[in-house]
Protein backbone atom coordinates (compact mmCIF):
# COMPACT_ATOMS: atom_id res chain seq x y z
CA MET A 1 97.79 109.50 99.83
CA ALA A 2 97.31 106.17 101.55
CA LYS A 3 93.92 104.50 101.75
CA LYS A 4 91.81 105.66 104.66
CA SER A 5 91.24 102.05 105.70
CA SER A 6 95.00 101.41 106.05
CA ILE A 7 95.43 104.50 108.19
CA ALA A 8 92.40 103.60 110.33
CA ARG A 9 93.68 100.03 110.79
CA ASN A 10 97.02 101.34 111.99
CA LEU A 11 95.32 103.73 114.43
CA LYS A 12 93.29 100.80 115.78
CA ARG A 13 96.51 98.87 116.33
CA MET A 14 97.99 101.83 118.23
CA ARG A 15 94.95 101.93 120.51
CA LEU A 16 95.17 98.18 121.16
CA VAL A 17 98.89 98.39 121.93
CA LYS A 18 98.19 101.12 124.48
CA LYS A 19 95.27 99.21 126.00
CA PHE A 20 97.07 95.87 126.45
CA SER A 21 100.63 97.07 127.09
CA ALA A 22 100.55 96.61 130.88
CA ARG A 23 99.03 93.13 130.68
CA ARG A 24 101.43 92.05 127.93
CA LYS A 25 104.42 93.40 129.87
CA ALA A 26 103.43 91.49 133.02
CA LEU A 27 102.99 88.23 131.11
CA LYS A 28 106.33 88.62 129.34
CA ALA A 29 108.03 89.31 132.69
CA THR A 30 106.60 86.01 133.94
CA LEU A 31 107.98 84.21 130.90
CA VAL A 32 111.46 85.70 131.30
CA ASP A 33 111.71 85.10 135.04
CA SER A 34 113.90 82.07 135.75
CA LYS A 35 112.11 81.35 139.05
CA THR A 36 108.79 80.68 137.33
CA ASN A 37 107.65 77.07 137.56
CA ASP A 38 106.44 75.18 134.50
CA GLY A 39 102.73 75.51 135.29
CA ASP A 40 102.86 79.28 135.63
CA PHE A 41 105.06 79.55 132.55
CA PHE A 42 102.64 77.67 130.32
CA ALA A 43 99.65 79.51 131.80
CA ALA A 44 101.29 82.86 131.04
CA GLN A 45 102.18 81.65 127.55
CA LYS A 46 98.57 80.63 126.93
CA MET A 47 97.21 83.96 128.21
CA LEU A 48 99.68 85.85 126.03
CA ALA A 49 98.51 83.89 123.00
CA LYS A 50 94.88 84.77 123.78
CA LEU A 51 95.56 88.51 123.60
CA PRO A 52 94.71 90.16 120.28
CA ARG A 53 97.48 89.93 117.69
CA ASN A 54 97.19 93.62 116.91
CA SER A 55 98.01 94.48 120.51
CA SER A 56 101.65 93.66 119.80
CA LYS A 57 103.88 96.71 119.33
CA VAL A 58 105.63 95.08 116.39
CA ARG A 59 102.49 95.20 114.24
CA VAL A 60 102.23 99.01 114.32
CA ARG A 61 103.50 100.59 111.11
CA ASN A 62 105.30 103.94 111.00
CA ARG A 63 103.32 106.20 108.70
CA CYS A 64 103.66 109.77 107.48
CA SER A 65 101.50 112.03 109.62
CA ILE A 66 100.40 114.07 106.60
CA THR A 67 99.96 111.63 103.71
CA GLY A 68 99.88 108.27 105.51
CA ARG A 69 102.70 106.91 103.34
CA PRO A 70 104.12 103.76 105.00
CA ARG A 71 107.65 103.86 103.62
CA ALA A 72 110.61 106.21 104.00
CA VAL A 73 109.22 107.93 107.10
CA HIS A 74 111.75 110.19 108.81
CA SER A 75 111.63 109.37 112.51
CA ARG A 76 112.65 112.83 113.72
CA PHE A 77 109.91 114.69 111.87
CA GLY A 78 107.28 111.97 111.45
CA VAL A 79 106.78 112.65 107.75
CA SER A 80 107.85 110.83 104.61
CA ARG A 81 110.87 111.87 102.58
CA LEU A 82 108.66 113.40 99.90
CA VAL A 83 106.71 115.60 102.30
CA LEU A 84 109.90 116.47 104.18
CA ARG A 85 111.49 117.72 100.98
CA GLU A 86 108.47 119.93 100.22
CA LEU A 87 108.35 121.32 103.77
CA VAL A 88 112.07 122.09 103.79
CA ALA A 89 111.94 123.73 100.37
CA SER A 90 109.06 125.96 101.41
CA GLY A 91 110.76 126.88 104.72
CA PHE A 92 108.27 125.34 107.15
CA ILE A 93 110.92 123.42 109.09
CA PRO A 94 113.29 125.86 110.80
CA GLY A 95 116.98 125.07 110.88
CA VAL A 96 116.87 122.56 108.04
CA ILE A 97 118.26 123.57 104.67
CA LYS A 98 118.68 121.75 101.40
CA SER A 99 122.26 120.66 101.01
CA SER A 100 124.30 121.33 97.90
CA TRP A 101 127.86 120.43 97.05
């Protein structure tokens, strides 16, 4: 089980990403636009730098929804490989079976 503080920090980042996504998207569109003059470009760059770092989508970590484990999280199910194996073995995930060859 991951530390509660790590899980809480990641949830805080998710909230910040959601809160600032529209503003960040507008500023990035200004930066990418080729018709933007230098003054507007640097102003948008400065405003983007003033936004909280944790409002960037890149800083959010994929974590297991059950244990909070940060590594080996299966994107389709949202759980780590260890929890996925237990759930499949106990039959809680329909249509998924343990392979054998």
